Amino acid sequence: MVKTQYNEQHMGAAYGPYGQMTQAPQAQTMRIDDVIVRTVALVAATFVAAIFTFSMVNDAIGTDMLGNPVVVDEGAFGTAMALGTVGMLIGLGVIIFSMFKPVTNPIVAFVYAIGQGLLLGGVSAYFDAMWPGIVVNALLATILVFGGMLALYKFRILRNSPMFTKVMVGAGFGIFALMAVNLVAGLFGLDLGLFASDGNANALQWIIAIVLTLWAAFSFILDFDMIEYSAQNGAPKKYAWAGAFGLTAGLIFLYWNLLRLLSYFQSN
């Protein structure tokens, strides 16, 4: 009898005593709206950080008598490049982390967004000094490509599948390895010739730029599918950050490749 009374008072402590319990507490699950709000916040953080270094580099660059861009303020330019380098290292670290574990921590997601923004702003300003208007065109192209992929997924023209996932994930690891090797080689002063820094691209560099841009665009199908599946199957609300991080990283990567591809067009 004593044991029965104890159980009635203490079993299911998380729900309250049986006599007072109304319903079990419901764990919060993610919704697509949660992903949208978090994505907007991360993109906004990226944009604000990008404006900061863009302004620094833009003010530090002038033109010579022939109209070519030249650095007129070494201090400001060096500071912006240092911030961009820190942002690049932060981004690389977070991307490596995300390969093994979903990014569900908002602090990590915002650190990535801000770091990438610092890098994105400085490089974009330099590109815009070489080819005026290229940044606006790259931003518009990024929005249009993203909107197009969303429409293709929404109307079920493009769908995810096990084979598509395998191809995209395998290609993603290959792309990451290629870029990591190129980065390490660059640190040692070696140019592997994979990308044309001056815009004058050869056939191989054109192919690489096009392939990377296409992969960046089609990677959104994986993101959309993951977000939709998670929302429909009651994933914990924290995974909305994983979806937002994936979309933000995809937008940034797409922008970088469109910026590079447009620079090739400008030089031909």
C-alpha atoms as a PDB file:
ATOM      1  CA  MET A   1       0.000   0.000   0.000  1.00  0.00           C
ATOM      2  CA  VAL A   2       2.780   2.402   0.912  1.00  0.00           C
ATOM      3  CA  LYS A   3       4.644   1.518  -2.276  1.00  0.00           C
ATOM      4  CA  THR A   4       1.509   2.123  -4.363  1.00  0.00           C
ATOM      5  CA  GLN A   5       1.005   5.566  -2.822  1.00  0.00           C
ATOM      6  CA  TYR A   6       4.688   6.428  -3.454  1.00  0.00           C
ATOM      7  CA  ASN A   7       4.418   5.432  -7.092  1.00  0.00           C
ATOM      8  CA  GLU A   8       1.249   7.490  -7.565  1.00  0.00           C
ATOM      9  CA  GLN A   9       3.021  10.550  -6.192  1.00  0.00           C
ATOM     10  CA  HIS A  10       6.424  10.172  -7.856  1.00  0.00           C
ATOM     11  CA  MET A  11       6.157   8.152 -11.083  1.00  0.00           C
ATOM     12  CA  GLY A  12       6.490  10.345 -14.150  1.00  0.00           C
ATOM     13  CA  ALA A  13       7.942  13.250 -12.221  1.00  0.00           C
ATOM     14  CA  ALA A  14       8.416  15.189 -15.448  1.00  0.00           C
ATOM     15  CA  TYR A  15       4.654  15.113 -15.978  1.00  0.00           C
ATOM     16  CA  GLY A  16       3.521  15.737 -12.397  1.00  0.00           C
ATOM     17  CA  PRO A  17       1.721  13.395  -9.984  1.00  0.00           C
ATOM     18  CA  TYR A  18      -0.822  11.169 -11.698  1.00  0.00           C
ATOM     19  CA  GLY A  19      -3.691  12.812  -9.895  1.00  0.00           C
ATOM     20  CA  GLN A  20      -2.712  16.244 -11.261  1.00  0.00           C
ATOM     21  CA  MET A  21      -1.333  15.276 -14.677  1.00  0.00           C
ATOM     22  CA  THR A  22      -3.247  16.654 -17.628  1.00  0.00           C
ATOM     23  CA  GLN A  23      -1.004  15.771 -20.612  1.00  0.00           C
ATOM     24  CA  ALA A  24       2.589  14.924 -21.326  1.00  0.00           C
ATOM     25  CA  PRO A  25       4.767  17.927 -22.235  1.00  0.00           C
ATOM     26  CA  GLN A  26       5.367  18.222 -25.935  1.00  0.00           C
ATOM     27  CA  ALA A  27       8.895  18.715 -27.225  1.00  0.00           C
ATOM     28  CA  GLN A  28       9.180  21.652 -29.628  1.00  0.00           C
ATOM     29  CA  THR A  29       9.696  20.561 -33.206  1.00  0.00           C
ATOM     30  CA  MET A  30      11.106  22.552 -36.094  1.00  0.00           C
ATOM     31  CA  ARG A  31       8.950  24.194 -38.707  1.00  0.00           C
ATOM     32  CA  ILE A  32       9.918  25.520 -42.108  1.00  0.00           C
ATOM     33  CA  ASP A  33       9.163  29.028 -40.831  1.00  0.00           C
ATOM     34  CA  ASP A  34      11.825  28.517 -38.149  1.00  0.00           C
ATOM     35  CA  VAL A  35      14.389  27.765 -40.847  1.00  0.00           C
ATOM     36  CA  ILE A  36      13.368  30.818 -42.870  1.00  0.00           C
ATOM     37  CA  VAL A  37      13.718  33.178 -39.896  1.00  0.00           C
ATOM     38  CA  ARG A  38      17.127  31.792 -38.940  1.00  0.00           C
ATOM     39  CA  THR A  39      18.362  31.878 -42.531  1.00  0.00           C
ATOM     40  CA  VAL A  40      17.388  35.533 -42.866  1.00  0.00           C
ATOM     41  CA  ALA A  41      19.245  36.308 -39.633  1.00  0.00           C
ATOM     42  CA  LEU A  42      22.414  34.505 -40.778  1.00  0.00           C
ATOM     43  CA  VAL A  43      22.355  36.111 -44.228  1.00  0.00           C
ATOM     44  CA  ALA A  44      21.854  39.522 -42.605  1.00  0.00           C
ATOM     45  CA  ALA A  45      24.865  38.923 -40.334  1.00  0.00           C
ATOM     46  CA  THR A  46      26.921  37.937 -43.367  1.00  0.00           C
ATOM     47  CA  PHE A  47      25.815  41.043 -45.235  1.00  0.00           C
ATOM     48  CA  VAL A  48      26.621  43.428 -42.368  1.00  0.00           C
ATOM     49  CA  ALA A  49      30.106  41.929 -41.916  1.00  0.00           C
ATOM     50  CA  ALA A  50      30.664  42.086 -45.675  1.00  0.00           C
ATOM     51  CA  ILE A  51      29.727  45.779 -45.805  1.00  0.00           C
ATOM     52  CA  PHE A  52      32.318  46.475 -43.106  1.00  0.00           C
ATOM     53  CA  THR A  53      35.309  45.054 -45.010  1.00  0.00           C
ATOM     54  CA  PHE A  54      33.904  46.120 -48.387  1.00  0.00           C
ATOM     55  CA  SER A  55      33.947  49.742 -47.220  1.00  0.00           C
ATOM     56  CA  MET A  56      37.479  49.396 -45.846  1.00  0.00           C
ATOM     57  CA  VAL A  57      38.873  47.975 -49.074  1.00  0.00           C
ATOM     58  CA  ASN A  58      36.833  50.324 -51.251  1.00  0.00           C
ATOM     59  CA  ASP A  59      38.270  53.335 -49.419  1.00  0.00           C
ATOM     60  CA  ALA A  60      41.790  51.886 -49.612  1.00  0.00           C
ATOM     61  CA  ILE A  61      41.741  51.415 -53.399  1.00  0.00           C
ATOM     62  CA  GLY A  62      42.189  54.165 -55.952  1.00  0.00           C
ATOM     63  CA  THR A  63      43.092  54.244 -59.636  1.00  0.00           C
ATOM     64  CA  ASP A  64      46.268  55.049 -61.511  1.00  0.00           C
ATOM     65  CA  MET A  65      46.558  57.251 -64.608  1.00  0.00           C
ATOM     66  CA  LEU A  66      45.337  54.382 -66.789  1.00  0.00           C
ATOM     67  CA  GLY A  67      42.318  53.755 -64.623  1.00  0.00           C
ATOM     68  CA  ASN A  68      43.658  50.544 -63.115  1.00  0.00           C
ATOM     69  CA  PRO A  69      42.933  49.881 -59.407  1.00  0.00           C
ATOM     70  CA  VAL A  70      45.829  50.508 -57.016  1.00  0.00           C
ATOM     71  CA  VAL A  71      46.081  50.353 -53.234  1.00  0.00           C
ATOM     72  CA  VAL A  72      46.381  53.875 -51.794  1.00  0.00           C
ATOM     73  CA  ASP A  73      45.953  53.025 -48.112  1.00  0.00           C
ATOM     74  CA  GLU A  74      48.122  50.048 -47.183  1.00  0.00           C
ATOM     75  CA  GLY A  75      47.018  50.111 -43.547  1.00  0.00           C
ATOM     76  CA  ALA A  76      43.289  49.852 -44.182  1.00  0.00           C
ATOM     77  CA  PHE A  77      43.794  47.350 -46.978  1.00  0.00           C
ATOM     78  CA  GLY A  78      46.031  45.173 -44.812  1.00  0.00           C
ATOM     79  CA  THR A  79      43.544  45.257 -41.931  1.00  0.00           C
ATOM     80  CA  ALA A  80      40.698  44.219 -44.216  1.00  0.00           C
ATOM     81  CA  MET A  81      42.750  41.391 -45.678  1.00  0.00           C
ATOM     82  CA  ALA A  82      43.718  40.222 -42.182  1.00  0.00           C
ATOM     83  CA  LEU A  83      40.059  40.150 -41.159  1.00  0.00           C
ATOM     84  CA  GLY A  84      39.251  38.267 -44.331  1.00  0.00           C
ATOM     85  CA  THR A  85      41.955  35.697 -43.616  1.00  0.00           C
ATOM     86  CA  VAL A  86      40.580  35.142 -40.119  1.00  0.00           C
ATOM     87  CA  GLY A  87      37.124  34.763 -41.621  1.00  0.00           C
ATOM     88  CA  MET A  88      38.414  32.239 -44.140  1.00  0.00           C
ATOM     89  CA  LEU A  89      40.025  30.115 -41.413  1.00  0.00           C
ATOM     90  CA  ILE A  90      36.875  30.277 -39.287  1.00  0.00           C
ATOM     91  CA  GLY A  91      34.746  29.256 -42.244  1.00  0.00           C
ATOM     92  CA  LEU A  92      37.053  26.381 -43.107  1.00  0.00           C
ATOM     93  CA  GLY A  93      36.977  25.111 -39.541  1.00  0.00           C
ATOM     94  CA  VAL A  94      33.182  25.252 -39.281  1.00  0.00           C
ATOM     95  CA  ILE A  95      32.712  23.556 -42.660  1.00  0.00           C
ATOM     96  CA  ILE A  96      35.005  20.704 -41.600  1.00  0.00           C
ATOM     97  CA  PHE A  97      33.051  20.424 -38.336  1.00  0.00           C
ATOM     98  CA  SER A  98      29.741  20.345 -40.223  1.00  0.00           C
ATOM     99  CA  MET A  99      30.911  17.337 -42.250  1.00  0.00           C
ATOM    100  CA  PHE A 100      30.800  15.222 -39.099  1.00  0.00           C
ATOM    101  CA  LYS A 101      28.046  16.869 -37.055  1.00  0.00           C
ATOM    102  CA  PRO A 102      25.109  19.134 -37.960  1.00  0.00           C
ATOM    103  CA  VAL A 103      25.547  22.756 -36.924  1.00  0.00           C
ATOM    104  CA  THR A 104      22.704  23.236 -34.431  1.00  0.00           C
ATOM    105  CA  ASN A 105      24.420  25.815 -32.226  1.00  0.00           C
ATOM    106  CA  PRO A 106      23.396  29.373 -33.180  1.00  0.00           C
ATOM    107  CA  ILE A 107      26.702  30.801 -31.924  1.00  0.00           C
ATOM    108  CA  VAL A 108      28.683  28.576 -34.291  1.00  0.00           C
ATOM    109  CA  ALA A 109      26.342  29.456 -37.150  1.00  0.00           C
ATOM    110  CA  PHE A 110      26.678  33.211 -36.554  1.00  0.00           C
ATOM    111  CA  VAL A 111      30.473  32.979 -36.151  1.00  0.00           C
ATOM    112  CA  TYR A 112      30.596  31.261 -39.540  1.00  0.00           C
ATOM    113  CA  ALA A 113      28.306  33.837 -41.156  1.00  0.00           C
ATOM    114  CA  ILE A 114      30.250  36.811 -39.791  1.00  0.00           C
ATOM    115  CA  GLY A 115      33.609  35.276 -40.649  1.00  0.00           C
ATOM    116  CA  GLN A 116      32.541  34.565 -44.209  1.00  0.00           C
ATOM    117  CA  GLY A 117      31.093  38.045 -44.475  1.00  0.00           C
ATOM    118  CA  LEU A 118      34.431  39.612 -43.539  1.00  0.00           C
ATOM    119  CA  LEU A 119      36.153  37.579 -46.255  1.00  0.00           C
ATOM    120  CA  LEU A 120      33.388  38.108 -48.792  1.00  0.00           C
ATOM    121  CA  GLY A 121      33.327  41.893 -48.384  1.00  0.00           C
ATOM    122  CA  GLY A 122      37.046  42.454 -48.867  1.00  0.00           C
ATOM    123  CA  VAL A 123      37.370  40.213 -51.912  1.00  0.00           C
ATOM    124  CA  SER A 124      34.174  41.605 -53.434  1.00  0.00           C
ATOM    125  CA  ALA A 125      35.468  45.166 -53.126  1.00  0.00           C
ATOM    126  CA  TYR A 126      38.668  44.202 -54.933  1.00  0.00           C
ATOM    127  CA  PHE A 127      36.705  42.479 -57.708  1.00  0.00           C
ATOM    128  CA  ASP A 128      34.399  45.476 -58.003  1.00  0.00           C
ATOM    129  CA  ALA A 129      37.395  47.784 -58.370  1.00  0.00           C
ATOM    130  CA  MET A 130      38.656  45.652 -61.269  1.00  0.00           C
ATOM    131  CA  TRP A 131      35.247  45.129 -62.885  1.00  0.00           C
ATOM    132  CA  PRO A 132      32.756  47.793 -61.724  1.00  0.00           C
ATOM    133  CA  GLY A 133      29.268  46.407 -61.215  1.00  0.00           C
ATOM    134  CA  ILE A 134      30.320  42.778 -60.974  1.00  0.00           C
ATOM    135  CA  VAL A 135      29.295  42.474 -57.304  1.00  0.00           C
ATOM    136  CA  VAL A 136      25.732  43.658 -57.953  1.00  0.00           C
ATOM    137  CA  ASN A 137      25.464  41.249 -60.882  1.00  0.00           C
ATOM    138  CA  ALA A 138      26.782  38.366 -58.759  1.00  0.00           C
ATOM    139  CA  LEU A 139      24.295  39.151 -55.982  1.00  0.00           C
ATOM    140  CA  LEU A 140      21.388  39.308 -58.428  1.00  0.00           C
ATOM    141  CA  ALA A 141      22.511  36.075 -60.093  1.00  0.00           C
ATOM    142  CA  THR A 142      22.732  34.371 -56.678  1.00  0.00           C
ATOM    143  CA  ILE A 143      19.175  35.408 -55.806  1.00  0.00           C
ATOM    144  CA  LEU A 144      17.846  34.312 -59.198  1.00  0.00           C
ATOM    145  CA  VAL A 145      19.579  30.926 -59.107  1.00  0.00           C
ATOM    146  CA  PHE A 146      18.397  30.267 -55.558  1.00  0.00           C
ATOM    147  CA  GLY A 147      14.846  31.282 -56.452  1.00  0.00           C
ATOM    148  CA  GLY A 148      14.961  29.114 -59.557  1.00  0.00           C
ATOM    149  CA  MET A 149      16.130  26.044 -57.640  1.00  0.00           C
ATOM    150  CA  LEU A 150      13.472  26.631 -54.988  1.00  0.00           C
ATOM    151  CA  ALA A 151      10.787  26.814 -57.685  1.00  0.00           C
ATOM    152  CA  LEU A 152      12.067  23.647 -59.373  1.00  0.00           C
ATOM    153  CA  TYR A 153      11.904  21.833 -56.044  1.00  0.00           C
ATOM    154  CA  LYS A 154       8.572  23.325 -54.997  1.00  0.00           C
ATOM    155  CA  PHE A 155       6.851  22.229 -58.217  1.00  0.00           C
ATOM    156  CA  ARG A 156       8.501  18.790 -57.994  1.00  0.00           C
ATOM    157  CA  ILE A 157      10.456  19.255 -61.215  1.00  0.00           C
ATOM    158  CA  LEU A 158      13.644  18.387 -59.350  1.00  0.00           C
ATOM    159  CA  ARG A 159      13.577  15.931 -56.450  1.00  0.00           C
ATOM    160  CA  ASN A 160      16.153  14.290 -54.251  1.00  0.00           C
ATOM    161  CA  SER A 161      16.895  10.570 -54.536  1.00  0.00           C
ATOM    162  CA  PRO A 162      19.450   8.158 -53.025  1.00  0.00           C
ATOM    163  CA  MET A 163      21.520   8.261 -56.220  1.00  0.00           C
ATOM    164  CA  PHE A 164      21.369  12.052 -56.422  1.00  0.00           C
ATOM    165  CA  THR A 165      22.488  12.296 -52.798  1.00  0.00           C
ATOM    166  CA  LYS A 166      25.429   9.942 -53.393  1.00  0.00           C
ATOM    167  CA  VAL A 167      26.560  11.886 -56.453  1.00  0.00           C
ATOM    168  CA  MET A 168      26.262  15.271 -54.749  1.00  0.00           C
ATOM    169  CA  VAL A 169      27.938  14.173 -51.512  1.00  0.00           C
ATOM    170  CA  GLY A 170      30.749  12.421 -53.371  1.00  0.00           C
ATOM    171  CA  ALA A 171      31.283  15.433 -55.607  1.00  0.00           C
ATOM    172  CA  GLY A 172      31.176  17.684 -52.547  1.00  0.00           C
ATOM    173  CA  PHE A 173      34.006  15.826 -50.864  1.00  0.00           C
ATOM    174  CA  GLY A 174      35.976  15.978 -54.109  1.00  0.00           C
ATOM    175  CA  ILE A 175      35.421  19.728 -54.400  1.00  0.00           C
ATOM    176  CA  PHE A 176      36.444  20.269 -50.789  1.00  0.00           C
ATOM    177  CA  ALA A 177      39.630  18.244 -51.305  1.00  0.00           C
ATOM    178  CA  LEU A 178      40.436  20.172 -54.482  1.00  0.00           C
ATOM    179  CA  MET A 179      40.004  23.535 -52.808  1.00  0.00           C
ATOM    180  CA  ALA A 180      41.934  22.437 -49.705  1.00  0.00           C
ATOM    181  CA  VAL A 181      44.891  21.323 -51.836  1.00  0.00           C
ATOM    182  CA  ASN A 182      44.758  24.601 -53.763  1.00  0.00           C
ATOM    183  CA  LEU A 183      44.678  26.559 -50.485  1.00  0.00           C
ATOM    184  CA  VAL A 184      47.658  24.699 -49.013  1.00  0.00           C
ATOM    185  CA  ALA A 185      49.602  25.115 -52.245  1.00  0.00           C
ATOM    186  CA  GLY A 186      48.832  28.836 -52.204  1.00  0.00           C
ATOM    187  CA  LEU A 187      50.191  29.143 -48.670  1.00  0.00           C
ATOM    188  CA  PHE A 188      53.504  27.832 -49.995  1.00  0.00           C
ATOM    189  CA  GLY A 189      53.445  30.202 -52.964  1.00  0.00           C
ATOM    190  CA  LEU A 190      52.440  27.556 -55.515  1.00  0.00           C
ATOM    191  CA  ASP A 191      49.838  28.272 -58.196  1.00  0.00           C
ATOM    192  CA  LEU A 192      48.159  25.081 -59.376  1.00  0.00           C
ATOM    193  CA  GLY A 193      46.375  26.954 -62.135  1.00  0.00           C
ATOM    194  CA  LEU A 194      42.903  25.908 -61.012  1.00  0.00           C
ATOM    195  CA  PHE A 195      41.525  29.439 -60.831  1.00  0.00           C
ATOM    196  CA  ALA A 196      42.352  32.593 -62.801  1.00  0.00           C
ATOM    197  CA  SER A 197      42.932  35.439 -60.349  1.00  0.00           C
ATOM    198  CA  ASP A 198      43.051  38.047 -63.126  1.00  0.00           C
ATOM    199  CA  GLY A 199      39.955  36.753 -64.908  1.00  0.00           C
ATOM    200  CA  ASN A 200      41.882  35.528 -67.967  1.00  0.00           C
ATOM    201  CA  ALA A 201      40.806  31.894 -67.675  1.00  0.00           C
ATOM    202  CA  ASN A 202      41.928  28.951 -69.773  1.00  0.00           C
ATOM    203  CA  ALA A 203      39.701  26.011 -70.737  1.00  0.00           C
ATOM    204  CA  LEU A 204      40.390  24.044 -67.540  1.00  0.00           C
ATOM    205  CA  GLN A 205      39.625  27.041 -65.335  1.00  0.00           C
ATOM    206  CA  TRP A 206      36.352  27.636 -67.181  1.00  0.00           C
ATOM    207  CA  ILE A 207      35.332  24.004 -66.692  1.00  0.00           C
ATOM    208  CA  ILE A 208      36.161  24.096 -62.978  1.00  0.00           C
ATOM    209  CA  ALA A 209      34.231  27.351 -62.467  1.00  0.00           C
ATOM    210  CA  ILE A 210      31.158  26.022 -64.297  1.00  0.00           C
ATOM    211  CA  VAL A 211      31.199  22.683 -62.454  1.00  0.00           C
ATOM    212  CA  LEU A 212      31.518  24.382 -59.056  1.00  0.00           C
ATOM    213  CA  THR A 213      28.676  26.776 -59.866  1.00  0.00           C
ATOM    214  CA  LEU A 214      26.408  23.939 -60.996  1.00  0.00           C
ATOM    215  CA  TRP A 215      27.216  21.902 -57.882  1.00  0.00           C
ATOM    216  CA  ALA A 216      26.486  24.912 -55.673  1.00  0.00           C
ATOM    217  CA  ALA A 217      23.108  25.387 -57.365  1.00  0.00           C
ATOM    218  CA  PHE A 218      22.027  21.737 -57.214  1.00  0.00           C
ATOM    219  CA  SER A 219      23.164  21.378 -53.593  1.00  0.00           C
ATOM    220  CA  PHE A 220      20.074  23.378 -52.608  1.00  0.00           C
ATOM    221  CA  ILE A 221      17.955  20.368 -53.562  1.00  0.00           C
ATOM    222  CA  LEU A 222      19.610  18.424 -50.746  1.00  0.00           C
ATOM    223  CA  ASP A 223      19.002  21.308 -48.335  1.00  0.00           C
ATOM    224  CA  PHE A 224      15.345  21.719 -49.319  1.00  0.00           C
ATOM    225  CA  ASP A 225      14.742  17.986 -49.012  1.00  0.00           C
ATOM    226  CA  MET A 226      16.418  17.778 -45.611  1.00  0.00           C
ATOM    227  CA  ILE A 227      14.435  20.740 -44.286  1.00  0.00           C
ATOM    228  CA  GLU A 228      11.116  19.426 -45.601  1.00  0.00           C
ATOM    229  CA  TYR A 229      11.744  15.898 -44.291  1.00  0.00           C
ATOM    230  CA  SER A 230      12.832  17.153 -40.862  1.00  0.00           C
ATOM    231  CA  ALA A 231       9.783  19.414 -40.515  1.00  0.00           C
ATOM    232  CA  GLN A 232       7.381  16.659 -41.554  1.00  0.00           C
ATOM    233  CA  ASN A 233       8.899  14.100 -39.201  1.00  0.00           C
ATOM    234  CA  GLY A 234       9.057  16.206 -36.064  1.00  0.00           C
ATOM    235  CA  ALA A 235      12.772  16.902 -35.786  1.00  0.00           C
ATOM    236  CA  PRO A 236      13.782  18.883 -32.673  1.00  0.00           C
ATOM    237  CA  LYS A 237      13.551  22.638 -33.111  1.00  0.00           C
ATOM    238  CA  LYS A 238      17.332  23.070 -32.790  1.00  0.00           C
ATOM    239  CA  TYR A 239      17.728  21.424 -36.199  1.00  0.00           C
ATOM    240  CA  ALA A 240      16.196  24.529 -37.753  1.00  0.00           C
ATOM    241  CA  TRP A 241      19.669  26.008 -37.246  1.00  0.00           C
ATOM    242  CA  ALA A 242      21.167  23.129 -39.240  1.00  0.00           C
ATOM    243  CA  GLY A 243      18.824  23.888 -42.129  1.00  0.00           C
ATOM    244  CA  ALA A 244      19.534  27.615 -41.933  1.00  0.00           C
ATOM    245  CA  PHE A 245      23.270  27.002 -41.804  1.00  0.00           C
ATOM    246  CA  GLY A 246      23.098  24.756 -44.876  1.00  0.00           C
ATOM    247  CA  LEU A 247      21.178  27.346 -46.872  1.00  0.00           C
ATOM    248  CA  THR A 248      23.490  30.179 -45.785  1.00  0.00           C
ATOM    249  CA  ALA A 249      26.635  28.208 -46.606  1.00  0.00           C
ATOM    250  CA  GLY A 250      25.123  27.273 -49.962  1.00  0.00           C
ATOM    251  CA  LEU A 251      24.276  30.886 -50.800  1.00  0.00           C
ATOM    252  CA  ILE A 252      27.783  32.029 -49.896  1.00  0.00           C
ATOM    253  CA  PHE A 253      29.428  29.287 -51.944  1.00  0.00           C
ATOM    254  CA  LEU A 254      27.150  30.005 -54.902  1.00  0.00           C
ATOM    255  CA  TYR A 255      27.971  33.717 -54.718  1.00  0.00           C
ATOM    256  CA  TRP A 256      31.712  33.053 -54.692  1.00  0.00           C
ATOM    257  CA  ASN A 257      31.509  30.891 -57.791  1.00  0.00           C
ATOM    258  CA  LEU A 258      29.200  33.237 -59.660  1.00  0.00           C
ATOM    259  CA  LEU A 259      31.546  36.115 -58.831  1.00  0.00           C
ATOM    260  CA  ARG A 260      34.474  34.131 -60.234  1.00  0.00           C
ATOM    261  CA  LEU A 261      32.519  33.032 -63.306  1.00  0.00           C
ATOM    262  CA  LEU A 262      31.394  36.584 -64.056  1.00  0.00           C
ATOM    263  CA  SER A 263      34.995  37.790 -63.786  1.00  0.00           C
ATOM    264  CA  TYR A 264      35.891  35.299 -66.523  1.00  0.00           C
ATOM    265  CA  PHE A 265      33.142  36.697 -68.729  1.00  0.00           C
ATOM    266  CA  GLN A 266      34.295  40.268 -68.061  1.00  0.00           C
ATOM    267  CA  SER A 267      37.815  39.450 -69.245  1.00  0.00           C
ATOM    268  CA  ASN A 268      36.758  37.835 -72.518  1.00  0.00           C
END
